N, C-alpha and C. Protein backbone atom coordinates (compact mmCIF):
# COMPACT_ATOMS: atom_id res chain seq x y z
N MET A 1 105.87 212.43 124.35
CA MET A 1 104.66 212.77 125.04
C MET A 1 103.74 213.50 124.07
N ARG A 2 102.50 213.10 124.03
CA ARG A 2 101.52 213.71 123.15
C ARG A 2 100.89 214.91 123.84
N LYS A 3 100.85 216.04 123.15
CA LYS A 3 100.28 217.26 123.72
C LYS A 3 98.80 217.33 123.41
N GLN A 4 98.06 217.83 124.36
CA GLN A 4 96.63 218.00 124.20
C GLN A 4 96.36 219.42 123.73
N ILE A 5 95.49 219.56 122.75
CA ILE A 5 95.11 220.87 122.26
C ILE A 5 93.82 221.28 122.96
N ILE A 6 93.87 222.46 123.56
CA ILE A 6 92.71 222.97 124.29
C ILE A 6 92.23 224.22 123.58
N LYS A 7 90.94 224.29 123.32
CA LYS A 7 90.35 225.47 122.68
C LYS A 7 89.57 226.25 123.73
N TYR A 8 89.80 227.55 123.77
CA TYR A 8 89.14 228.42 124.73
C TYR A 8 88.09 229.26 124.02
N THR A 9 87.07 229.62 124.75
CA THR A 9 85.99 230.40 124.16
C THR A 9 86.33 231.88 124.05
N SER A 10 87.34 232.32 124.80
CA SER A 10 87.74 233.72 124.73
C SER A 10 89.23 233.86 125.01
N SER A 11 89.75 234.99 124.59
CA SER A 11 91.16 235.29 124.87
C SER A 11 91.40 235.40 126.37
N LEU A 12 90.42 235.91 127.08
CA LEU A 12 90.56 236.06 128.53
C LEU A 12 90.66 234.69 129.22
N ASP A 13 89.85 233.72 128.78
CA ASP A 13 89.94 232.37 129.33
C ASP A 13 91.32 231.77 129.08
N ALA A 14 91.83 231.98 127.88
CA ALA A 14 93.16 231.46 127.54
C ALA A 14 94.23 232.13 128.39
N LEU A 15 94.10 233.44 128.58
CA LEU A 15 95.07 234.18 129.40
C LEU A 15 95.07 233.68 130.83
N ILE A 16 93.91 233.42 131.37
CA ILE A 16 93.81 232.90 132.74
C ILE A 16 94.48 231.53 132.84
N ALA A 17 94.21 230.66 131.89
CA ALA A 17 94.80 229.33 131.89
C ALA A 17 96.33 229.41 131.78
N LEU A 18 96.82 230.28 130.91
CA LEU A 18 98.27 230.44 130.77
C LEU A 18 98.90 231.00 132.04
N THR A 19 98.21 231.93 132.68
CA THR A 19 98.71 232.51 133.92
C THR A 19 98.86 231.44 134.99
N LYS A 20 97.88 230.55 135.07
CA LYS A 20 97.96 229.44 136.03
C LYS A 20 99.14 228.53 135.72
N GLN A 21 99.34 228.22 134.43
CA GLN A 21 100.45 227.34 134.04
C GLN A 21 101.79 228.02 134.33
N LEU A 22 101.90 229.30 134.01
CA LEU A 22 103.14 230.03 134.29
C LEU A 22 103.43 230.05 135.78
N ASN A 23 102.39 230.23 136.58
CA ASN A 23 102.56 230.24 138.03
C ASN A 23 103.11 228.90 138.53
N THR A 24 102.66 227.81 137.93
CA THR A 24 103.17 226.48 138.29
C THR A 24 104.67 226.39 138.04
N TYR A 25 105.12 226.86 136.87
CA TYR A 25 106.56 226.86 136.56
C TYR A 25 107.32 227.75 137.55
N GLU A 26 106.76 228.92 137.81
CA GLU A 26 107.44 229.88 138.68
C GLU A 26 107.64 229.32 140.09
N ILE A 27 106.65 228.64 140.60
CA ILE A 27 106.78 228.03 141.93
C ILE A 27 107.80 226.91 141.89
N LYS A 28 107.71 226.06 140.90
CA LYS A 28 108.61 224.90 140.82
C LYS A 28 110.07 225.32 140.67
N TYR A 29 110.34 226.33 139.84
CA TYR A 29 111.72 226.73 139.56
C TYR A 29 112.16 227.99 140.29
N GLN A 30 111.28 228.52 141.17
CA GLN A 30 111.60 229.68 141.99
C GLN A 30 112.15 230.86 141.17
N MET A 31 111.42 231.17 140.09
CA MET A 31 111.84 232.25 139.20
C MET A 31 110.58 232.75 138.48
N ASN A 32 110.42 234.07 138.36
CA ASN A 32 109.25 234.54 137.64
C ASN A 32 109.46 234.36 136.13
N SER A 33 108.38 234.34 135.40
CA SER A 33 108.44 234.02 133.97
C SER A 33 109.22 235.06 133.17
N GLU A 34 109.11 236.31 133.55
CA GLU A 34 109.85 237.36 132.84
C GLU A 34 111.36 237.15 132.98
N GLU A 35 111.79 236.87 134.20
CA GLU A 35 113.22 236.61 134.46
C GLU A 35 113.67 235.34 133.73
N PHE A 36 112.85 234.28 133.82
CA PHE A 36 113.17 233.04 133.11
C PHE A 36 113.33 233.29 131.62
N PHE A 37 112.38 234.01 131.03
CA PHE A 37 112.40 234.20 129.58
C PHE A 37 113.63 234.99 129.14
N ALA A 38 114.02 235.97 129.95
CA ALA A 38 115.23 236.74 129.63
C ALA A 38 116.45 235.82 129.63
N LYS A 39 116.56 234.96 130.64
CA LYS A 39 117.68 234.01 130.71
C LYS A 39 117.61 232.99 129.57
N TYR A 40 116.41 232.50 129.31
CA TYR A 40 116.22 231.51 128.24
C TYR A 40 116.61 232.10 126.89
N SER A 41 116.19 233.34 126.64
CA SER A 41 116.48 234.01 125.37
C SER A 41 117.97 234.25 125.18
N GLN A 42 118.70 234.39 126.29
CA GLN A 42 120.14 234.63 126.22
C GLN A 42 120.94 233.34 126.34
N GLY A 43 120.26 232.21 126.36
CA GLY A 43 120.93 230.91 126.44
C GLY A 43 121.52 230.61 127.80
N GLU A 44 120.96 231.21 128.84
CA GLU A 44 121.52 231.05 130.19
C GLU A 44 120.79 230.00 131.03
N THR A 45 119.94 229.20 130.41
CA THR A 45 119.24 228.14 131.15
C THR A 45 119.99 226.83 130.96
N SER A 46 119.61 225.84 131.74
CA SER A 46 120.26 224.54 131.71
C SER A 46 120.15 223.88 130.35
N ASP A 47 121.21 223.19 129.95
CA ASP A 47 121.19 222.41 128.72
C ASP A 47 120.79 220.97 128.97
N ASP A 48 120.39 220.67 130.20
CA ASP A 48 119.97 219.33 130.57
C ASP A 48 118.75 218.94 129.75
N GLU A 49 118.78 217.77 129.16
CA GLU A 49 117.71 217.30 128.28
C GLU A 49 116.36 217.27 128.99
N VAL A 50 116.34 216.93 130.25
CA VAL A 50 115.09 216.88 131.02
C VAL A 50 114.47 218.27 131.13
N PHE A 51 115.29 219.26 131.42
CA PHE A 51 114.80 220.62 131.56
C PHE A 51 114.47 221.25 130.22
N ASP A 52 115.18 220.85 129.18
CA ASP A 52 115.04 221.48 127.87
C ASP A 52 113.58 221.46 127.39
N GLU A 53 112.93 220.31 127.47
CA GLU A 53 111.55 220.21 127.02
C GLU A 53 110.63 221.11 127.84
N VAL A 54 110.83 221.12 129.14
CA VAL A 54 110.02 221.96 130.02
C VAL A 54 110.27 223.44 129.72
N PHE A 55 111.52 223.81 129.54
CA PHE A 55 111.86 225.20 129.30
C PHE A 55 111.33 225.69 127.95
N VAL A 56 111.36 224.84 126.95
CA VAL A 56 110.80 225.21 125.65
C VAL A 56 109.30 225.47 125.80
N GLU A 57 108.62 224.60 126.54
CA GLU A 57 107.19 224.77 126.77
C GLU A 57 106.92 226.04 127.57
N TRP A 58 107.70 226.27 128.62
CA TRP A 58 107.54 227.47 129.45
C TRP A 58 107.73 228.73 128.60
N ALA A 59 108.77 228.75 127.80
CA ALA A 59 109.05 229.90 126.95
C ALA A 59 107.91 230.13 125.95
N GLY A 60 107.41 229.07 125.36
CA GLY A 60 106.30 229.19 124.42
C GLY A 60 105.03 229.70 125.10
N ASN A 61 104.76 229.18 126.28
CA ASN A 61 103.59 229.64 127.03
C ASN A 61 103.73 231.11 127.41
N TYR A 62 104.93 231.51 127.78
CA TYR A 62 105.14 232.91 128.15
C TYR A 62 104.95 233.83 126.94
N GLN A 63 105.46 233.42 125.78
CA GLN A 63 105.28 234.22 124.57
C GLN A 63 103.79 234.32 124.21
N HIS A 64 103.08 233.22 124.35
CA HIS A 64 101.65 233.22 124.09
C HIS A 64 100.94 234.14 125.09
N TYR A 65 101.33 234.07 126.35
CA TYR A 65 100.77 234.94 127.39
C TYR A 65 100.98 236.41 127.01
N LEU A 66 102.19 236.77 126.61
CA LEU A 66 102.48 238.16 126.24
C LEU A 66 101.62 238.62 125.07
N ALA A 67 101.46 237.76 124.07
CA ALA A 67 100.66 238.11 122.90
C ALA A 67 99.19 238.29 123.27
N LEU A 68 98.66 237.38 124.08
CA LEU A 68 97.26 237.50 124.51
C LEU A 68 97.06 238.74 125.37
N HIS A 69 98.00 238.98 126.27
CA HIS A 69 97.92 240.15 127.14
C HIS A 69 97.88 241.43 126.31
N GLN A 70 98.75 241.51 125.32
CA GLN A 70 98.80 242.69 124.45
C GLN A 70 97.50 242.83 123.65
N ASP A 71 96.99 241.72 123.14
CA ASP A 71 95.75 241.73 122.36
C ASP A 71 94.58 242.23 123.20
N ILE A 72 94.45 241.71 124.41
CA ILE A 72 93.36 242.12 125.30
C ILE A 72 93.51 243.59 125.67
N LYS A 73 94.72 244.02 125.96
CA LYS A 73 94.99 245.41 126.32
C LYS A 73 94.60 246.35 125.16
N SER A 74 94.94 245.93 123.94
CA SER A 74 94.62 246.72 122.76
C SER A 74 93.10 246.81 122.56
N LYS A 75 92.41 245.69 122.74
CA LYS A 75 90.96 245.69 122.60
C LYS A 75 90.29 246.58 123.65
N LEU A 76 90.82 246.56 124.85
CA LEU A 76 90.26 247.42 125.90
C LEU A 76 90.46 248.90 125.59
N ARG A 77 91.61 249.24 125.01
CA ARG A 77 91.87 250.63 124.61
C ARG A 77 90.88 251.07 123.53
N ASP A 78 90.57 250.15 122.59
CA ASP A 78 89.65 250.48 121.51
C ASP A 78 88.24 250.73 122.01
N VAL A 79 87.87 250.08 123.10
CA VAL A 79 86.52 250.22 123.66
C VAL A 79 86.41 251.53 124.44
N ALA A 80 87.49 251.92 125.08
CA ALA A 80 87.47 253.11 125.96
C ALA A 80 87.40 254.41 125.21
């Protein structure tokens, strides 16, 4: 499957888009992203090939979300 690259005009736009994507995973798999990532990091998720690709993407999106969240939080602290 070919992945589409999306460019956002701001970190906030990217954070919103990632939040929506994470919410989709959370609803589908009935688990919040923080809980999923902890299990994924400890190797406690399914080894099923079908899930593997989705879980890798979910984990990557969650890591990106955390980085953007931290960046925005830091920038807001600098302004205050």
